[in-house]
N, C-alpha and C. Protein backbone atom coordinates (compact mmCIF):
# COMPACT_ATOMS: atom_id res chain seq x y z
N MET A 1 -10.36 -27.75 -12.56
CA MET A 1 -9.39 -28.22 -13.55
C MET A 1 -7.99 -28.01 -13.00
N LYS A 2 -7.14 -28.99 -13.21
CA LYS A 2 -5.75 -28.92 -12.75
C LYS A 2 -4.87 -28.24 -13.80
N ILE A 3 -3.82 -27.59 -13.31
CA ILE A 3 -2.83 -26.98 -14.20
C ILE A 3 -1.97 -28.08 -14.79
N GLU A 4 -1.95 -28.13 -16.13
CA GLU A 4 -1.12 -29.08 -16.85
C GLU A 4 -0.77 -28.45 -18.19
N LYS A 5 0.03 -29.16 -18.98
CA LYS A 5 0.43 -28.64 -20.29
C LYS A 5 -0.81 -28.24 -21.08
N ASP A 6 -0.73 -27.10 -21.74
CA ASP A 6 -1.78 -26.56 -22.60
C ASP A 6 -3.02 -26.13 -21.83
N THR A 7 -2.81 -25.64 -20.60
CA THR A 7 -3.89 -24.95 -19.88
C THR A 7 -3.51 -23.49 -19.75
N VAL A 8 -4.54 -22.65 -19.66
CA VAL A 8 -4.35 -21.22 -19.46
C VAL A 8 -4.54 -20.95 -17.97
N VAL A 9 -3.52 -20.36 -17.36
CA VAL A 9 -3.52 -20.12 -15.92
C VAL A 9 -3.65 -18.63 -15.66
N THR A 10 -4.55 -18.28 -14.75
CA THR A 10 -4.73 -16.89 -14.33
C THR A 10 -4.26 -16.78 -12.89
N LEU A 11 -3.36 -15.82 -12.65
CA LEU A 11 -2.71 -15.65 -11.35
C LEU A 11 -2.83 -14.23 -10.83
N GLN A 12 -2.86 -14.11 -9.53
CA GLN A 12 -2.55 -12.84 -8.87
C GLN A 12 -1.15 -13.04 -8.32
N PHE A 13 -0.34 -11.98 -8.32
CA PHE A 13 1.03 -12.17 -7.86
C PHE A 13 1.57 -10.92 -7.18
N LYS A 14 2.59 -11.15 -6.37
CA LYS A 14 3.42 -10.09 -5.79
C LYS A 14 4.85 -10.53 -5.98
N VAL A 15 5.71 -9.58 -6.33
CA VAL A 15 7.13 -9.83 -6.43
C VAL A 15 7.82 -8.90 -5.45
N ALA A 16 8.68 -9.48 -4.61
CA ALA A 16 9.41 -8.69 -3.62
C ALA A 16 10.88 -9.09 -3.65
N GLU A 17 11.71 -8.19 -3.13
CA GLU A 17 13.11 -8.55 -2.94
C GLU A 17 13.17 -9.59 -1.82
N ALA A 18 14.29 -10.27 -1.67
CA ALA A 18 14.43 -11.29 -0.63
C ALA A 18 14.17 -10.69 0.76
N SER A 19 14.45 -9.41 0.91
CA SER A 19 14.24 -8.72 2.19
C SER A 19 12.76 -8.49 2.49
N GLY A 20 11.93 -8.66 1.47
CA GLY A 20 10.49 -8.43 1.64
C GLY A 20 10.02 -7.13 1.03
N LYS A 21 10.93 -6.27 0.56
CA LYS A 21 10.54 -4.99 -0.06
C LYS A 21 9.78 -5.27 -1.35
N LEU A 22 8.52 -4.79 -1.42
CA LEU A 22 7.65 -5.04 -2.58
C LEU A 22 8.19 -4.34 -3.82
N ILE A 23 8.27 -5.08 -4.92
CA ILE A 23 8.70 -4.54 -6.21
C ILE A 23 7.48 -4.31 -7.10
N GLU A 24 6.59 -5.31 -7.16
CA GLU A 24 5.43 -5.23 -8.04
C GLU A 24 4.31 -6.09 -7.48
N GLU A 25 3.08 -5.61 -7.65
CA GLU A 25 1.90 -6.37 -7.28
C GLU A 25 0.91 -6.26 -8.43
N SER A 26 0.30 -7.39 -8.80
CA SER A 26 -0.61 -7.38 -9.94
C SER A 26 -1.87 -6.61 -9.61
N ARG A 27 -2.22 -5.67 -10.47
CA ARG A 27 -3.52 -5.00 -10.39
C ARG A 27 -4.51 -5.79 -11.22
N GLU A 28 -4.05 -6.20 -12.39
CA GLU A 28 -4.81 -7.08 -13.27
C GLU A 28 -4.17 -8.46 -13.15
N PRO A 29 -4.96 -9.50 -13.25
CA PRO A 29 -4.36 -10.84 -13.17
C PRO A 29 -3.39 -11.08 -14.32
N MET A 30 -2.40 -11.90 -14.05
CA MET A 30 -1.46 -12.35 -15.08
C MET A 30 -2.03 -13.64 -15.66
N VAL A 31 -2.02 -13.77 -16.96
CA VAL A 31 -2.53 -14.96 -17.63
C VAL A 31 -1.42 -15.50 -18.52
N TYR A 32 -1.17 -16.81 -18.42
CA TYR A 32 -0.14 -17.38 -19.28
C TYR A 32 -0.53 -18.79 -19.72
N LEU A 33 0.08 -19.24 -20.80
CA LEU A 33 -0.10 -20.59 -21.32
C LEU A 33 0.93 -21.50 -20.66
N HIS A 34 0.46 -22.49 -19.93
CA HIS A 34 1.32 -23.39 -19.16
C HIS A 34 1.81 -24.53 -20.05
N GLY A 35 3.06 -24.93 -19.82
CA GLY A 35 3.54 -26.12 -20.52
C GLY A 35 4.86 -25.95 -21.23
N GLY A 36 5.74 -25.09 -20.73
CA GLY A 36 7.07 -24.97 -21.32
C GLY A 36 7.16 -24.03 -22.50
N TYR A 37 6.23 -23.07 -22.60
CA TYR A 37 6.24 -22.12 -23.71
C TYR A 37 7.03 -20.85 -23.40
N GLU A 38 7.71 -20.84 -22.26
CA GLU A 38 8.53 -19.70 -21.83
C GLU A 38 7.69 -18.45 -21.61
N ASN A 39 6.45 -18.64 -21.13
CA ASN A 39 5.58 -17.50 -20.84
C ASN A 39 5.69 -17.06 -19.38
N THR A 40 6.38 -17.82 -18.57
CA THR A 40 6.70 -17.45 -17.20
C THR A 40 7.97 -18.20 -16.82
N LEU A 41 8.48 -17.96 -15.63
CA LEU A 41 9.73 -18.59 -15.21
C LEU A 41 9.53 -20.09 -14.99
N PRO A 42 10.50 -20.91 -15.39
CA PRO A 42 10.37 -22.36 -15.23
C PRO A 42 10.07 -22.81 -13.79
N LYS A 43 10.67 -22.18 -12.80
CA LYS A 43 10.43 -22.58 -11.40
C LYS A 43 8.99 -22.27 -11.00
N ILE A 44 8.40 -21.21 -11.56
CA ILE A 44 6.99 -20.90 -11.29
C ILE A 44 6.11 -21.99 -11.92
N GLU A 45 6.38 -22.33 -13.17
CA GLU A 45 5.61 -23.40 -13.82
C GLU A 45 5.70 -24.69 -13.03
N ALA A 46 6.90 -25.05 -12.59
CA ALA A 46 7.09 -26.30 -11.86
C ALA A 46 6.28 -26.30 -10.56
N ALA A 47 6.25 -25.16 -9.86
CA ALA A 47 5.52 -25.07 -8.59
C ALA A 47 4.01 -25.15 -8.79
N LEU A 48 3.52 -24.68 -9.95
CA LEU A 48 2.09 -24.64 -10.20
C LEU A 48 1.56 -25.90 -10.89
N ASP A 49 2.44 -26.69 -11.48
CA ASP A 49 2.01 -27.87 -12.23
C ASP A 49 1.20 -28.80 -11.32
N GLY A 50 0.01 -29.20 -11.79
CA GLY A 50 -0.86 -30.11 -11.04
C GLY A 50 -1.76 -29.43 -10.02
N GLN A 51 -1.65 -28.12 -9.86
CA GLN A 51 -2.45 -27.39 -8.87
C GLN A 51 -3.78 -26.93 -9.47
N GLU A 52 -4.67 -26.42 -8.60
CA GLU A 52 -6.01 -25.99 -9.00
C GLU A 52 -6.26 -24.57 -8.53
N PRO A 53 -7.34 -23.94 -9.02
CA PRO A 53 -7.69 -22.60 -8.54
C PRO A 53 -7.79 -22.59 -7.01
N GLY A 54 -7.29 -21.49 -6.43
CA GLY A 54 -7.26 -21.35 -4.98
C GLY A 54 -5.89 -21.67 -4.40
N PHE A 55 -5.06 -22.39 -5.16
CA PHE A 55 -3.72 -22.73 -4.68
C PHE A 55 -2.89 -21.47 -4.50
N GLN A 56 -2.17 -21.40 -3.39
CA GLN A 56 -1.27 -20.27 -3.12
C GLN A 56 0.10 -20.81 -2.76
N VAL A 57 1.13 -20.09 -3.20
CA VAL A 57 2.49 -20.49 -2.88
C VAL A 57 3.38 -19.25 -2.88
N THR A 58 4.41 -19.29 -2.06
CA THR A 58 5.44 -18.25 -2.07
C THR A 58 6.75 -18.94 -2.43
N LEU A 59 7.40 -18.45 -3.46
CA LEU A 59 8.67 -19.01 -3.93
C LEU A 59 9.79 -18.02 -3.73
N GLN A 60 10.90 -18.47 -3.20
CA GLN A 60 12.10 -17.65 -3.06
C GLN A 60 13.05 -18.13 -4.15
N LEU A 61 13.30 -17.30 -5.16
CA LEU A 61 14.13 -17.72 -6.29
C LEU A 61 15.47 -17.01 -6.30
N LYS A 62 16.51 -17.79 -6.49
CA LYS A 62 17.86 -17.26 -6.65
C LYS A 62 17.92 -16.56 -8.01
N PRO A 63 18.87 -15.65 -8.22
CA PRO A 63 18.95 -14.94 -9.50
C PRO A 63 18.94 -15.86 -10.72
N GLN A 64 19.67 -16.97 -10.66
CA GLN A 64 19.74 -17.86 -11.82
C GLN A 64 18.39 -18.52 -12.14
N ASP A 65 17.48 -18.56 -11.16
CA ASP A 65 16.16 -19.14 -11.39
C ASP A 65 15.11 -18.07 -11.68
N ALA A 66 15.50 -16.81 -11.57
CA ALA A 66 14.57 -15.69 -11.81
C ALA A 66 14.98 -15.00 -13.12
N PHE A 67 15.66 -13.88 -13.02
CA PHE A 67 16.00 -13.10 -14.23
C PHE A 67 17.49 -13.13 -14.55
N GLY A 68 18.19 -14.10 -13.98
CA GLY A 68 19.60 -14.30 -14.30
C GLY A 68 20.54 -13.44 -13.49
N GLU A 69 21.80 -13.81 -13.56
CA GLU A 69 22.87 -13.02 -12.93
C GLU A 69 23.13 -11.79 -13.79
N ARG A 70 23.62 -10.74 -13.17
CA ARG A 70 24.00 -9.55 -13.94
C ARG A 70 25.22 -9.89 -14.81
N ASP A 71 25.23 -9.34 -16.00
CA ASP A 71 26.34 -9.52 -16.93
C ASP A 71 26.90 -8.13 -17.23
N GLU A 72 28.03 -7.84 -16.64
CA GLU A 72 28.62 -6.50 -16.79
C GLU A 72 29.03 -6.22 -18.25
N ALA A 73 29.15 -7.26 -19.07
CA ALA A 73 29.45 -7.06 -20.49
C ALA A 73 28.28 -6.40 -21.21
N LEU A 74 27.10 -6.39 -20.58
CA LEU A 74 25.91 -5.75 -21.18
C LEU A 74 25.73 -4.31 -20.72
N VAL A 75 26.70 -3.78 -19.99
CA VAL A 75 26.67 -2.38 -19.56
C VAL A 75 27.57 -1.60 -20.52
N ARG A 76 27.02 -0.52 -21.07
CA ARG A 76 27.75 0.26 -22.08
C ARG A 76 27.71 1.75 -21.76
N THR A 77 28.73 2.44 -22.16
CA THR A 77 28.76 3.90 -22.15
C THR A 77 29.07 4.30 -23.59
N ILE A 78 28.14 5.04 -24.19
CA ILE A 78 28.23 5.37 -25.61
C ILE A 78 28.16 6.90 -25.78
N PRO A 79 28.90 7.44 -26.73
CA PRO A 79 28.79 8.88 -26.98
C PRO A 79 27.36 9.26 -27.37
N LYS A 80 26.86 10.34 -26.79
CA LYS A 80 25.50 10.79 -27.05
C LYS A 80 25.27 11.10 -28.53
N LYS A 81 26.30 11.53 -29.22
CA LYS A 81 26.16 11.88 -30.64
C LYS A 81 25.79 10.68 -31.50
N GLU A 82 25.98 9.45 -30.99
CA GLU A 82 25.63 8.25 -31.74
C GLU A 82 24.15 7.88 -31.62
N PHE A 83 23.40 8.64 -30.83
CA PHE A 83 21.98 8.35 -30.60
C PHE A 83 21.09 9.31 -31.35
N PRO A 84 19.90 8.83 -31.69
CA PRO A 84 18.94 9.74 -32.33
C PRO A 84 18.50 10.81 -31.34
N PRO A 85 18.04 11.96 -31.83
CA PRO A 85 17.57 12.99 -30.92
C PRO A 85 16.39 12.47 -30.09
N GLY A 86 16.30 12.97 -28.87
CA GLY A 86 15.17 12.61 -28.03
C GLY A 86 15.41 11.42 -27.13
N VAL A 87 16.64 10.88 -27.12
CA VAL A 87 16.94 9.76 -26.22
C VAL A 87 16.76 10.23 -24.78
N LYS A 88 16.03 9.43 -23.98
CA LYS A 88 15.71 9.82 -22.60
C LYS A 88 16.01 8.68 -21.64
N VAL A 89 16.31 9.03 -20.40
CA VAL A 89 16.49 8.04 -19.35
C VAL A 89 15.18 7.26 -19.21
N GLY A 90 15.32 5.93 -19.10
CA GLY A 90 14.15 5.07 -19.02
C GLY A 90 13.75 4.49 -20.36
N GLY A 91 14.28 5.05 -21.43
CA GLY A 91 13.96 4.55 -22.76
C GLY A 91 14.68 3.25 -23.06
N GLN A 92 14.30 2.63 -24.14
CA GLN A 92 14.94 1.40 -24.58
C GLN A 92 15.40 1.57 -26.01
N LEU A 93 16.55 0.98 -26.29
CA LEU A 93 17.11 1.03 -27.63
C LEU A 93 17.59 -0.35 -28.01
N GLU A 94 17.45 -0.70 -29.27
CA GLU A 94 18.00 -1.96 -29.71
C GLU A 94 19.43 -1.72 -30.14
N GLY A 95 20.30 -2.57 -29.65
CA GLY A 95 21.71 -2.49 -30.00
C GLY A 95 22.23 -3.88 -30.29
N ARG A 96 23.53 -4.05 -30.19
CA ARG A 96 24.16 -5.34 -30.46
C ARG A 96 25.07 -5.71 -29.29
N THR A 97 25.07 -6.99 -28.96
CA THR A 97 26.01 -7.48 -27.95
C THR A 97 27.38 -7.59 -28.59
N ASP A 98 28.39 -7.99 -27.81
CA ASP A 98 29.75 -8.10 -28.33
C ASP A 98 29.86 -9.11 -29.47
N ASP A 99 28.97 -10.11 -29.47
CA ASP A 99 29.02 -11.11 -30.55
C ASP A 99 28.11 -10.75 -31.73
N GLY A 100 27.50 -9.53 -31.68
CA GLY A 100 26.70 -9.05 -32.79
C GLY A 100 25.22 -9.38 -32.73
N THR A 101 24.79 -10.06 -31.66
CA THR A 101 23.38 -10.41 -31.50
C THR A 101 22.56 -9.18 -31.15
N ALA A 102 21.39 -9.04 -31.77
CA ALA A 102 20.48 -7.93 -31.44
C ALA A 102 20.04 -8.07 -29.99
N HIS A 103 20.00 -6.95 -29.26
CA HIS A 103 19.67 -6.97 -27.83
C HIS A 103 19.06 -5.63 -27.45
N VAL A 104 18.13 -5.65 -26.49
CA VAL A 104 17.52 -4.41 -26.01
C VAL A 104 18.32 -3.88 -24.83
N PHE A 105 18.64 -2.59 -24.89
CA PHE A 105 19.36 -1.91 -23.82
C PHE A 105 18.48 -0.82 -23.23
N HIS A 106 18.57 -0.64 -21.92
CA HIS A 106 17.81 0.39 -21.21
C HIS A 106 18.71 1.60 -21.00
N VAL A 107 18.19 2.79 -21.24
CA VAL A 107 18.95 4.01 -21.00
C VAL A 107 18.87 4.30 -19.49
N MET A 108 20.00 4.17 -18.82
CA MET A 108 20.05 4.32 -17.36
C MET A 108 20.34 5.76 -16.94
N LYS A 109 21.23 6.41 -17.71
CA LYS A 109 21.65 7.75 -17.31
C LYS A 109 22.26 8.44 -18.51
N ILE A 110 22.06 9.75 -18.57
CA ILE A 110 22.72 10.58 -19.59
C ILE A 110 23.54 11.60 -18.82
N LYS A 111 24.84 11.55 -19.01
CA LYS A 111 25.74 12.44 -18.27
C LYS A 111 26.66 13.12 -19.25
N GLY A 112 26.44 14.41 -19.41
CA GLY A 112 27.25 15.16 -20.37
C GLY A 112 27.06 14.64 -21.77
N ASP A 113 28.15 14.23 -22.39
CA ASP A 113 28.10 13.75 -23.77
C ASP A 113 28.01 12.23 -23.86
N THR A 114 27.73 11.55 -22.73
CA THR A 114 27.68 10.10 -22.77
C THR A 114 26.32 9.58 -22.30
N VAL A 115 25.96 8.43 -22.87
CA VAL A 115 24.72 7.75 -22.50
C VAL A 115 25.13 6.41 -21.88
N HIS A 116 24.58 6.12 -20.70
CA HIS A 116 24.87 4.88 -20.00
C HIS A 116 23.72 3.90 -20.25
N LEU A 117 24.06 2.75 -20.83
CA LEU A 117 23.08 1.73 -21.19
C LEU A 117 23.31 0.46 -20.37
N ASP A 118 22.22 -0.26 -20.14
CA ASP A 118 22.32 -1.54 -19.44
C ASP A 118 21.41 -2.53 -20.16
N GLY A 119 21.99 -3.62 -20.63
CA GLY A 119 21.25 -4.65 -21.34
C GLY A 119 20.74 -5.77 -20.44
N ASN A 120 20.99 -5.65 -19.13
CA ASN A 120 20.48 -6.64 -18.18
C ASN A 120 19.01 -6.37 -17.88
N HIS A 121 18.27 -7.43 -17.55
CA HIS A 121 16.89 -7.25 -17.06
C HIS A 121 17.00 -6.44 -15.77
N PRO A 122 16.08 -5.50 -15.52
CA PRO A 122 16.15 -4.68 -14.30
C PRO A 122 16.20 -5.48 -13.00
N LEU A 123 15.69 -6.71 -13.00
CA LEU A 123 15.72 -7.53 -11.79
C LEU A 123 16.81 -8.60 -11.81
N SER A 124 17.70 -8.53 -12.79
CA SER A 124 18.79 -9.52 -12.83
C SER A 124 19.70 -9.33 -11.62
N GLY A 125 20.27 -10.43 -11.18
CA GLY A 125 21.19 -10.39 -10.05
C GLY A 125 20.51 -10.34 -8.70
N LYS A 126 19.18 -10.39 -8.67
CA LYS A 126 18.45 -10.27 -7.40
C LYS A 126 17.76 -11.58 -7.04
N GLU A 127 17.82 -11.91 -5.75
CA GLU A 127 17.01 -13.00 -5.23
C GLU A 127 15.62 -12.42 -5.00
N LEU A 128 14.60 -13.11 -5.50
CA LEU A 128 13.25 -12.57 -5.48
C LEU A 128 12.27 -13.52 -4.81
N ARG A 129 11.25 -12.93 -4.20
CA ARG A 129 10.17 -13.70 -3.58
C ARG A 129 8.89 -13.46 -4.39
N PHE A 130 8.32 -14.54 -4.90
CA PHE A 130 7.08 -14.48 -5.68
C PHE A 130 5.96 -15.08 -4.84
N ALA A 131 4.93 -14.29 -4.55
CA ALA A 131 3.72 -14.79 -3.89
C ALA A 131 2.66 -14.93 -4.97
N LEU A 132 2.18 -16.16 -5.18
CA LEU A 132 1.27 -16.46 -6.28
C LEU A 132 -0.03 -17.06 -5.77
N LYS A 133 -1.14 -16.68 -6.40
CA LYS A 133 -2.42 -17.29 -6.12
C LYS A 133 -3.10 -17.60 -7.44
N VAL A 134 -3.43 -18.88 -7.63
CA VAL A 134 -4.11 -19.32 -8.85
C VAL A 134 -5.58 -18.94 -8.71
N ILE A 135 -6.07 -18.13 -9.66
CA ILE A 135 -7.49 -17.74 -9.61
C ILE A 135 -8.30 -18.35 -10.74
N GLY A 136 -7.63 -18.97 -11.70
CA GLY A 136 -8.37 -19.63 -12.77
C GLY A 136 -7.51 -20.55 -13.59
N VAL A 137 -8.12 -21.62 -14.11
CA VAL A 137 -7.45 -22.57 -15.01
C VAL A 137 -8.49 -22.99 -16.04
N ARG A 138 -8.09 -22.96 -17.31
CA ARG A 138 -8.97 -23.44 -18.37
C ARG A 138 -8.13 -24.10 -19.45
N ALA A 139 -8.78 -24.89 -20.27
CA ALA A 139 -8.09 -25.51 -21.40
C ALA A 139 -7.75 -24.42 -22.41
N ALA A 140 -6.58 -24.50 -22.98
CA ALA A 140 -6.18 -23.54 -24.02
C ALA A 140 -6.89 -23.90 -25.32
N THR A 141 -7.11 -22.89 -26.16
CA THR A 141 -7.68 -23.13 -27.47
C THR A 141 -6.58 -23.65 -28.40
N ALA A 142 -6.99 -24.25 -29.50
CA ALA A 142 -6.02 -24.73 -30.49
C ALA A 142 -5.17 -23.58 -31.02
N GLU A 143 -5.80 -22.42 -31.20
CA GLU A 143 -5.06 -21.25 -31.69
C GLU A 143 -4.01 -20.79 -30.67
N GLU A 144 -4.37 -20.77 -29.38
CA GLU A 144 -3.41 -20.37 -28.35
C GLU A 144 -2.23 -21.33 -28.31
N ILE A 145 -2.50 -22.62 -28.43
CA ILE A 145 -1.42 -23.62 -28.44
C ILE A 145 -0.54 -23.42 -29.67
N ALA A 146 -1.15 -23.20 -30.84
CA ALA A 146 -0.38 -22.98 -32.07
C ALA A 146 0.49 -21.74 -31.97
N HIS A 147 -0.04 -20.67 -31.34
CA HIS A 147 0.70 -19.41 -31.21
C HIS A 147 1.59 -19.37 -29.97
N GLN A 148 1.42 -20.34 -29.09
CA GLN A 148 2.21 -20.49 -27.86
C GLN A 148 2.05 -19.35 -26.87
N HIS A 149 0.87 -18.71 -26.88
CA HIS A 149 0.54 -17.70 -25.87
C HIS A 149 -0.97 -17.53 -25.81
N VAL A 150 -1.42 -16.88 -24.75
CA VAL A 150 -2.85 -16.70 -24.51
C VAL A 150 -3.41 -15.59 -25.39
N HIS A 151 -4.63 -15.79 -25.87
CA HIS A 151 -5.36 -14.76 -26.62
C HIS A 151 -6.53 -14.29 -25.76
N GLY A 152 -7.12 -13.17 -26.14
CA GLY A 152 -8.31 -12.70 -25.45
C GLY A 152 -7.99 -11.90 -24.20
N GLU A 153 -8.90 -11.91 -23.24
CA GLU A 153 -8.79 -11.08 -22.05
C GLU A 153 -7.45 -11.30 -21.36
N HIS A 154 -6.74 -10.20 -21.13
CA HIS A 154 -5.43 -10.15 -20.45
C HIS A 154 -4.30 -10.80 -21.24
N GLY A 155 -4.55 -11.28 -22.44
CA GLY A 155 -3.50 -11.89 -23.25
C GLY A 155 -3.28 -11.08 -24.50
N PRO A 156 -2.26 -11.43 -25.31
CA PRO A 156 -1.98 -10.68 -26.54
C PRO A 156 -3.16 -10.73 -27.52
N HIS A 157 -3.33 -9.65 -28.23
CA HIS A 157 -4.34 -9.57 -29.27
C HIS A 157 -3.61 -9.41 -30.59
N HIS A 158 -4.08 -10.11 -31.62
CA HIS A 158 -3.43 -9.99 -32.94
C HIS A 158 -4.26 -9.10 -33.83
């Protein structure tokens, strides 16, 4: 079966920096609903469209095609007293951007009485290399299409 809109694609993947330094490698396959549902990066969908199981490709993506450019307006330093007890480096907190939109911020560092937050994706601003191998393609169920994501093995469960 070929990858097309409303198919469920199962992939093995590796993500590396442009230099080749490995960032992440799939232990479990990644499964997503193909067809513009924002379940993976658009450039990945475009490269896989029309392909079949066994297809392999390596994509070099610029930041704007991967996780975006860094936005320094999403970096914050906030007084520690404004946080609930137990805030830790590596944690995530929901906050607001300058225009008041809800946004997730990562706790990067706690120094003295201040907490350093970053609302950028950890891989933003980086050129990345994605090595992908298609290991399965199947038709999506009506429920998966209605919910716009994969259900069952390796997908969200409701």
